[in-house]
Amino acid sequence: MRSRQPPMSAVLAALAILLAACGGAGPTPSELARGRMEALALDHADDETFTLRLNPALCDCPEFEVLLGDTWRRVFLEPKDIEGPAEGARALLTGTPDRSPPPTIRVMGRLSKSIRVAGNRAPSLVLKVLQTCGRDGCRPAD
């Protein structure tokens, strides 16, 4: 049975942390968390479709989560255009008085390489939503 090699971005992030640790007190927990989020964004930089869910929390953090591998991660949706695809995703996931929302939806988009810090000071991913996908899947825009 072959062992799975860690992604190169994870190796580079670990190396950067080790090198920083040699110079003094080492990285803070928030720097470590940010490094993990940056490595995660890099690992999924080539992904084009994502599964989203609405999962409001009591903390001051994004209310949306994106499924990366088998783990849900808090994510900010962009752009914040009231008529844009991110707001379309929000509308689908919140439902209406006569239509209950689906548990998840698929969207086409791109994860940003930059990380945004939420109000609770936790680093969070940023997903630029290009379009929501229909029941028959995601199709590139014409």
N, C-alpha and C. Protein backbone atom coordinates (compact mmCIF):
# COMPACT_ATOMS: atom_id res chain seq x y z
N MET A 1 0.84 -1.17 0.00
CA MET A 1 0.00 0.00 0.00
C MET A 1 0.89 1.24 0.00
N ARG A 2 0.67 2.14 -0.94
CA ARG A 2 1.47 3.36 -1.05
C ARG A 2 1.02 4.37 -0.02
N SER A 3 2.01 5.05 0.57
CA SER A 3 1.66 6.13 1.49
C SER A 3 1.42 7.39 0.69
N ARG A 4 0.51 8.19 1.16
CA ARG A 4 0.15 9.44 0.48
C ARG A 4 1.11 10.52 0.92
N GLN A 5 1.72 11.21 -0.02
CA GLN A 5 2.65 12.29 0.26
C GLN A 5 1.85 13.55 0.59
N PRO A 6 2.34 14.36 1.55
CA PRO A 6 1.64 15.61 1.85
C PRO A 6 1.76 16.58 0.67
N PRO A 7 0.78 17.44 0.45
CA PRO A 7 0.86 18.42 -0.63
C PRO A 7 2.07 19.32 -0.44
N MET A 8 2.65 19.75 -1.55
CA MET A 8 3.85 20.58 -1.50
C MET A 8 3.62 21.85 -0.69
N SER A 9 2.44 22.43 -0.79
CA SER A 9 2.16 23.66 -0.04
C SER A 9 2.21 23.41 1.46
N ALA A 10 1.77 22.23 1.90
CA ALA A 10 1.83 21.91 3.32
C ALA A 10 3.27 21.74 3.77
N VAL A 11 4.10 21.13 2.92
CA VAL A 11 5.52 20.97 3.23
C VAL A 11 6.18 22.34 3.33
N LEU A 12 5.88 23.22 2.37
CA LEU A 12 6.47 24.56 2.39
C LEU A 12 6.01 25.36 3.60
N ALA A 13 4.74 25.25 3.96
CA ALA A 13 4.23 25.97 5.13
C ALA A 13 4.91 25.46 6.40
N ALA A 14 5.09 24.15 6.50
CA ALA A 14 5.76 23.59 7.68
C ALA A 14 7.22 24.03 7.73
N LEU A 15 7.88 24.07 6.58
CA LEU A 15 9.27 24.53 6.53
C LEU A 15 9.38 25.99 6.95
N ALA A 16 8.46 26.83 6.48
CA ALA A 16 8.47 28.24 6.85
C ALA A 16 8.28 28.41 8.35
N ILE A 17 7.41 27.60 8.93
CA ILE A 17 7.16 27.67 10.37
C ILE A 17 8.41 27.24 11.14
N LEU A 18 9.06 26.18 10.68
CA LEU A 18 10.28 25.72 11.34
C LEU A 18 11.39 26.76 11.26
N LEU A 19 11.55 27.36 10.09
CA LEU A 19 12.57 28.39 9.92
C LEU A 19 12.29 29.60 10.80
N ALA A 20 11.04 29.99 10.89
CA ALA A 20 10.68 31.12 11.75
C ALA A 20 10.93 30.78 13.22
N ALA A 21 10.71 29.54 13.59
CA ALA A 21 10.91 29.13 14.98
C ALA A 21 12.38 29.18 15.37
N CYS A 22 13.27 29.00 14.43
CA CYS A 22 14.70 29.03 14.73
C CYS A 22 15.17 30.43 15.11
N GLY A 23 14.45 31.45 14.71
CA GLY A 23 14.89 32.81 14.93
C GLY A 23 14.45 33.41 16.25
N GLY A 24 13.73 32.72 17.06
CA GLY A 24 13.29 33.32 18.31
C GLY A 24 12.19 32.52 18.94
N ALA A 25 11.19 33.23 19.42
CA ALA A 25 10.10 32.60 20.16
C ALA A 25 9.21 31.74 19.29
N GLY A 26 9.25 31.93 17.98
CA GLY A 26 8.43 31.13 17.09
C GLY A 26 7.12 31.81 16.76
N PRO A 27 6.39 31.21 15.84
CA PRO A 27 5.13 31.82 15.40
C PRO A 27 4.06 31.74 16.50
N THR A 28 3.18 32.72 16.46
CA THR A 28 2.07 32.74 17.40
C THR A 28 0.99 31.77 16.91
N PRO A 29 0.06 31.39 17.77
CA PRO A 29 -1.03 30.53 17.32
C PRO A 29 -1.81 31.12 16.15
N SER A 30 -2.01 32.45 16.15
CA SER A 30 -2.75 33.06 15.03
C SER A 30 -1.94 33.00 13.74
N GLU A 31 -0.62 33.12 13.83
CA GLU A 31 0.23 32.98 12.64
C GLU A 31 0.19 31.56 12.11
N LEU A 32 0.18 30.59 13.01
CA LEU A 32 0.08 29.19 12.60
C LEU A 32 -1.25 28.92 11.91
N ALA A 33 -2.34 29.44 12.48
CA ALA A 33 -3.67 29.24 11.89
C ALA A 33 -3.75 29.89 10.52
N ARG A 34 -3.18 31.09 10.39
CA ARG A 34 -3.17 31.77 9.10
C ARG A 34 -2.37 30.97 8.07
N GLY A 35 -1.24 30.44 8.49
CA GLY A 35 -0.42 29.61 7.59
C GLY A 35 -1.16 28.38 7.12
N ARG A 36 -1.92 27.75 8.02
CA ARG A 36 -2.71 26.58 7.63
C ARG A 36 -3.79 26.96 6.62
N MET A 37 -4.46 28.10 6.84
CA MET A 37 -5.49 28.55 5.89
C MET A 37 -4.87 28.88 4.54
N GLU A 38 -3.71 29.54 4.53
CA GLU A 38 -3.04 29.87 3.27
C GLU A 38 -2.64 28.60 2.52
N ALA A 39 -2.13 27.59 3.24
CA ALA A 39 -1.77 26.32 2.61
C ALA A 39 -3.01 25.62 2.05
N LEU A 40 -4.11 25.69 2.78
CA LEU A 40 -5.36 25.07 2.33
C LEU A 40 -5.86 25.76 1.05
N ALA A 41 -5.81 27.09 1.03
CA ALA A 41 -6.24 27.83 -0.17
C ALA A 41 -5.35 27.46 -1.35
N LEU A 42 -4.06 27.32 -1.12
CA LEU A 42 -3.13 26.95 -2.19
C LEU A 42 -3.41 25.54 -2.69
N ASP A 43 -3.71 24.62 -1.77
CA ASP A 43 -4.02 23.23 -2.16
C ASP A 43 -5.27 23.14 -3.03
N HIS A 44 -6.20 24.07 -2.88
CA HIS A 44 -7.46 24.04 -3.63
C HIS A 44 -7.55 25.16 -4.66
N ALA A 45 -6.41 25.73 -5.02
CA ALA A 45 -6.38 26.85 -5.97
C ALA A 45 -6.88 26.46 -7.36
N ASP A 46 -6.74 25.21 -7.73
CA ASP A 46 -7.18 24.77 -9.06
C ASP A 46 -8.61 24.27 -9.10
N ASP A 47 -9.26 24.16 -7.93
CA ASP A 47 -10.66 23.72 -7.89
C ASP A 47 -11.54 24.77 -8.56
N GLU A 48 -12.55 24.30 -9.27
CA GLU A 48 -13.47 25.22 -9.96
C GLU A 48 -14.88 25.16 -9.42
N THR A 49 -15.26 24.05 -8.81
CA THR A 49 -16.60 23.93 -8.24
C THR A 49 -16.47 23.61 -6.75
N PHE A 50 -17.44 24.12 -5.99
CA PHE A 50 -17.40 23.98 -4.54
C PHE A 50 -18.80 23.71 -4.02
N THR A 51 -18.87 23.01 -2.90
CA THR A 51 -20.13 22.78 -2.20
C THR A 51 -20.18 23.77 -1.04
N LEU A 52 -21.29 24.50 -0.95
CA LEU A 52 -21.49 25.50 0.11
C LEU A 52 -22.67 25.11 0.97
N ARG A 53 -22.60 25.55 2.21
CA ARG A 53 -23.76 25.44 3.10
C ARG A 53 -23.81 26.69 3.96
N LEU A 54 -25.01 27.00 4.42
CA LEU A 54 -25.23 28.09 5.37
C LEU A 54 -25.19 27.46 6.76
N ASN A 55 -24.32 27.98 7.62
CA ASN A 55 -24.19 27.43 8.96
C ASN A 55 -23.88 28.58 9.93
N PRO A 56 -24.90 29.42 10.22
CA PRO A 56 -24.67 30.55 11.13
C PRO A 56 -24.17 30.06 12.49
N ALA A 57 -23.30 30.86 13.08
CA ALA A 57 -22.73 30.52 14.38
C ALA A 57 -22.89 31.72 15.32
N LEU A 58 -22.72 31.49 16.59
CA LEU A 58 -22.83 32.56 17.57
C LEU A 58 -21.60 33.46 17.56
N CYS A 59 -20.50 32.99 16.96
CA CYS A 59 -19.29 33.81 16.90
C CYS A 59 -19.40 34.82 15.76
N ASP A 60 -18.53 35.82 15.79
CA ASP A 60 -18.46 36.82 14.73
C ASP A 60 -17.56 36.27 13.62
N CYS A 61 -18.13 35.35 12.84
CA CYS A 61 -17.38 34.67 11.77
C CYS A 61 -18.31 34.49 10.57
N PRO A 62 -17.76 34.11 9.43
CA PRO A 62 -18.61 33.93 8.25
C PRO A 62 -19.72 32.90 8.51
N GLU A 63 -20.89 33.17 7.95
CA GLU A 63 -22.01 32.26 8.14
C GLU A 63 -22.02 31.12 7.13
N PHE A 64 -21.15 31.21 6.12
CA PHE A 64 -21.09 30.17 5.09
C PHE A 64 -19.88 29.28 5.32
N GLU A 65 -20.02 28.03 4.86
CA GLU A 65 -18.91 27.08 4.91
C GLU A 65 -18.76 26.43 3.55
N VAL A 66 -17.51 26.12 3.20
CA VAL A 66 -17.19 25.44 1.96
C VAL A 66 -16.60 24.08 2.31
N LEU A 67 -16.96 23.06 1.56
CA LEU A 67 -16.46 21.71 1.79
C LEU A 67 -15.17 21.53 1.01
N LEU A 68 -14.07 21.34 1.73
CA LEU A 68 -12.76 21.10 1.12
C LEU A 68 -12.28 19.74 1.59
N GLY A 69 -12.21 18.81 0.66
CA GLY A 69 -11.93 17.42 1.05
C GLY A 69 -13.13 16.90 1.80
N ASP A 70 -12.91 16.53 3.05
CA ASP A 70 -14.04 16.05 3.87
C ASP A 70 -14.28 16.95 5.08
N THR A 71 -13.80 18.21 5.00
CA THR A 71 -13.93 19.14 6.12
C THR A 71 -14.61 20.44 5.67
N TRP A 72 -15.56 20.91 6.48
CA TRP A 72 -16.21 22.19 6.23
C TRP A 72 -15.35 23.30 6.81
N ARG A 73 -15.13 24.38 6.03
CA ARG A 73 -14.32 25.52 6.46
C ARG A 73 -15.14 26.79 6.30
N ARG A 74 -15.04 27.70 7.28
CA ARG A 74 -15.72 29.00 7.20
C ARG A 74 -15.16 29.78 6.03
N VAL A 75 -16.06 30.47 5.32
CA VAL A 75 -15.64 31.18 4.11
C VAL A 75 -16.45 32.45 3.93
N PHE A 76 -15.76 33.53 3.55
CA PHE A 76 -16.42 34.75 3.11
C PHE A 76 -16.73 34.59 1.64
N LEU A 77 -17.92 35.04 1.21
CA LEU A 77 -18.30 35.01 -0.20
C LEU A 77 -18.10 36.39 -0.81
N GLU A 78 -17.57 36.41 -2.01
CA GLU A 78 -17.40 37.65 -2.78
C GLU A 78 -17.88 37.38 -4.19
N PRO A 79 -18.18 38.37 -4.97
CA PRO A 79 -18.22 39.79 -4.61
C PRO A 79 -19.51 40.10 -3.85
N LYS A 80 -19.55 41.24 -3.23
CA LYS A 80 -20.70 41.63 -2.41
C LYS A 80 -21.73 42.42 -3.21
N ASP A 81 -21.78 42.21 -4.49
CA ASP A 81 -22.74 42.88 -5.37
C ASP A 81 -24.14 42.33 -5.09
N ILE A 82 -25.10 43.20 -4.84
CA ILE A 82 -26.45 42.78 -4.48
C ILE A 82 -27.12 41.94 -5.57
N GLU A 83 -26.70 42.11 -6.81
CA GLU A 83 -27.27 41.34 -7.91
C GLU A 83 -26.34 40.20 -8.35
N GLY A 84 -25.22 40.01 -7.66
CA GLY A 84 -24.19 39.07 -8.08
C GLY A 84 -24.45 37.63 -7.68
N PRO A 85 -23.57 36.74 -8.14
CA PRO A 85 -23.74 35.31 -7.87
C PRO A 85 -23.57 34.94 -6.40
N ALA A 86 -22.77 35.69 -5.65
CA ALA A 86 -22.63 35.39 -4.22
C ALA A 86 -23.96 35.63 -3.50
N GLU A 87 -24.64 36.71 -3.85
CA GLU A 87 -25.95 36.98 -3.25
C GLU A 87 -26.99 35.97 -3.73
N GLY A 88 -26.82 35.48 -4.97
CA GLY A 88 -27.70 34.42 -5.47
C GLY A 88 -27.53 33.15 -4.64
N ALA A 89 -26.28 32.83 -4.29
CA ALA A 89 -26.01 31.67 -3.45
C ALA A 89 -26.64 31.86 -2.07
N ARG A 90 -26.50 33.06 -1.53
CA ARG A 90 -27.10 33.37 -0.22
C ARG A 90 -28.62 33.18 -0.28
N ALA A 91 -29.24 33.69 -1.34
CA ALA A 91 -30.69 33.59 -1.47
C ALA A 91 -31.14 32.13 -1.55
N LEU A 92 -30.41 31.32 -2.31
CA LEU A 92 -30.76 29.90 -2.42
C LEU A 92 -30.66 29.20 -1.06
N LEU A 93 -29.60 29.51 -0.31
CA LEU A 93 -29.36 28.81 0.95
C LEU A 93 -30.21 29.32 2.11
N THR A 94 -30.83 30.49 1.96
CA THR A 94 -31.72 30.97 3.03
C THR A 94 -33.17 30.62 2.76
N GLY A 95 -33.50 30.33 1.50
CA GLY A 95 -34.87 29.94 1.17
C GLY A 95 -35.83 31.12 1.20
N THR A 96 -37.10 30.81 1.07
CA THR A 96 -38.16 31.82 1.11
C THR A 96 -39.28 31.27 2.00
N PRO A 97 -40.27 32.10 2.35
CA PRO A 97 -41.36 31.59 3.19
C PRO A 97 -42.09 30.38 2.58
N ASP A 98 -42.15 30.31 1.24
CA ASP A 98 -42.84 29.19 0.62
C ASP A 98 -41.90 28.10 0.08
N ARG A 99 -40.60 28.28 0.25
CA ARG A 99 -39.65 27.27 -0.24
C ARG A 99 -38.52 27.12 0.78
N SER A 100 -38.39 25.91 1.31
CA SER A 100 -37.30 25.68 2.27
C SER A 100 -35.97 25.57 1.53
N PRO A 101 -34.90 25.99 2.17
CA PRO A 101 -33.60 25.98 1.51
C PRO A 101 -33.01 24.57 1.42
N PRO A 102 -32.19 24.33 0.41
CA PRO A 102 -31.49 23.05 0.34
C PRO A 102 -30.38 23.04 1.40
N PRO A 103 -29.93 21.86 1.82
CA PRO A 103 -28.86 21.82 2.82
C PRO A 103 -27.52 22.34 2.26
N THR A 104 -27.30 22.12 0.98
CA THR A 104 -26.08 22.57 0.32
C THR A 104 -26.39 22.96 -1.11
N ILE A 105 -25.49 23.74 -1.71
CA ILE A 105 -25.56 24.03 -3.15
C ILE A 105 -24.17 23.92 -3.73
N ARG A 106 -24.09 23.79 -5.04
CA ARG A 106 -22.81 23.79 -5.75
C ARG A 106 -22.66 25.13 -6.45
N VAL A 107 -21.44 25.65 -6.43
CA VAL A 107 -21.13 26.89 -7.12
C VAL A 107 -19.84 26.73 -7.89
N MET A 108 -19.71 27.52 -8.95
CA MET A 108 -18.43 27.65 -9.63
C MET A 108 -17.75 28.87 -9.04
N GLY A 109 -16.45 28.78 -8.81
CA GLY A 109 -15.75 29.90 -8.23
C GLY A 109 -14.27 29.64 -8.09
N ARG A 110 -13.62 30.53 -7.37
CA ARG A 110 -12.18 30.45 -7.12
C ARG A 110 -11.90 30.85 -5.68
N LEU A 111 -11.06 30.07 -5.02
CA LEU A 111 -10.61 30.46 -3.68
C LEU A 111 -9.52 31.50 -3.83
N SER A 112 -9.61 32.54 -3.04
CA SER A 112 -8.60 33.57 -3.04
C SER A 112 -7.36 33.06 -2.32
N LYS A 113 -6.21 33.51 -2.76
CA LYS A 113 -4.97 33.15 -2.06
C LYS A 113 -4.81 33.96 -0.79
N SER A 114 -5.54 35.08 -0.71
CA SER A 114 -5.45 35.90 0.51
C SER A 114 -6.48 35.40 1.53
N ILE A 115 -6.14 35.58 2.77
CA ILE A 115 -6.97 35.14 3.88
C ILE A 115 -7.53 36.39 4.56
N ARG A 116 -8.80 36.33 4.97
CA ARG A 116 -9.42 37.46 5.67
C ARG A 116 -9.63 37.05 7.13
N VAL A 117 -9.39 37.97 8.01
CA VAL A 117 -9.58 37.71 9.44
C VAL A 117 -11.01 38.10 9.80
N ALA A 118 -11.72 37.15 10.41
CA ALA A 118 -13.10 37.38 10.82
C ALA A 118 -13.13 38.22 12.08
N GLY A 119 -14.32 38.66 12.45
CA GLY A 119 -14.49 39.47 13.65
C GLY A 119 -14.02 38.79 14.92
N ASN A 120 -14.04 37.45 14.94
CA ASN A 120 -13.56 36.71 16.11
C ASN A 120 -12.05 36.47 16.04
N ARG A 121 -11.40 37.11 15.08
CA ARG A 121 -9.95 37.09 14.86
C ARG A 121 -9.44 35.77 14.31
N ALA A 122 -10.33 34.92 13.81
CA ALA A 122 -9.92 33.67 13.19
C ALA A 122 -9.71 33.90 11.70
N PRO A 123 -8.63 33.36 11.14
CA PRO A 123 -8.43 33.49 9.70
C PRO A 123 -9.46 32.66 8.95
N SER A 124 -10.01 33.24 7.87
CA SER A 124 -11.04 32.55 7.10
C SER A 124 -10.72 32.65 5.62
N LEU A 125 -11.18 31.66 4.88
CA LEU A 125 -11.00 31.64 3.44
C LEU A 125 -11.94 32.65 2.78
N VAL A 126 -11.62 32.99 1.54
CA VAL A 126 -12.45 33.88 0.73
C VAL A 126 -12.74 33.16 -0.58
N LEU A 127 -14.01 33.02 -0.93
CA LEU A 127 -14.41 32.37 -2.17
C LEU A 127 -15.08 33.38 -3.08
N LYS A 128 -14.52 33.56 -4.26
CA LYS A 128 -15.15 34.41 -5.26
C LYS A 128 -16.12 33.52 -6.04
N VAL A 129 -17.41 33.78 -5.87
CA VAL A 129 -18.45 32.98 -6.53
C VAL A 129 -18.67 33.54 -7.93
N LEU A 130 -18.54 32.68 -8.93
CA LEU A 130 -18.76 33.09 -10.32
C LEU A 130 -20.18 32.79 -10.78
N GLN A 131 -20.73 31.66 -10.32
CA GLN A 131 -22.12 31.33 -10.63
C GLN A 131 -22.59 30.18 -9.76
N THR A 132 -23.89 30.15 -9.53
CA THR A 132 -24.47 29.01 -8.83
C THR A 132 -24.77 27.94 -9.87
N CYS A 133 -24.75 26.70 -9.45
CA CYS A 133 -24.97 25.59 -10.37
C CYS A 133 -26.40 25.09 -10.24
N GLY A 134 -26.94 24.66 -11.35
CA GLY A 134 -28.30 24.13 -11.37
C GLY A 134 -28.35 22.68 -10.94
N ARG A 135 -29.52 22.12 -11.00
CA ARG A 135 -29.72 20.71 -10.62
C ARG A 135 -28.95 19.76 -11.51
N ASP A 136 -28.74 20.17 -12.75
CA ASP A 136 -28.01 19.29 -13.68
C ASP A 136 -26.51 19.54 -13.68
N GLY A 137 -26.02 20.27 -12.70
CA GLY A 137 -24.58 20.45 -12.54
C GLY A 137 -24.12 21.85 -12.91
N CYS A 138 -22.82 22.00 -12.89
CA CYS A 138 -22.20 23.29 -13.18
C CYS A 138 -21.79 23.34 -14.64
N ARG A 139 -22.12 24.43 -15.26
CA ARG A 139 -21.74 24.62 -16.66
C ARG A 139 -21.04 25.97 -16.81
N PRO A 140 -19.95 25.99 -17.55
CA PRO A 140 -19.27 27.27 -17.77
C PRO A 140 -20.22 28.28 -18.43
N ALA A 141 -20.09 29.55 -18.03
CA ALA A 141 -20.91 30.60 -18.62
C ALA A 141 -20.54 30.78 -20.09
N ASP A 142 -21.52 31.09 -20.90
CA ASP A 142 -21.25 31.30 -22.34
C ASP A 142 -20.50 32.58 -22.58
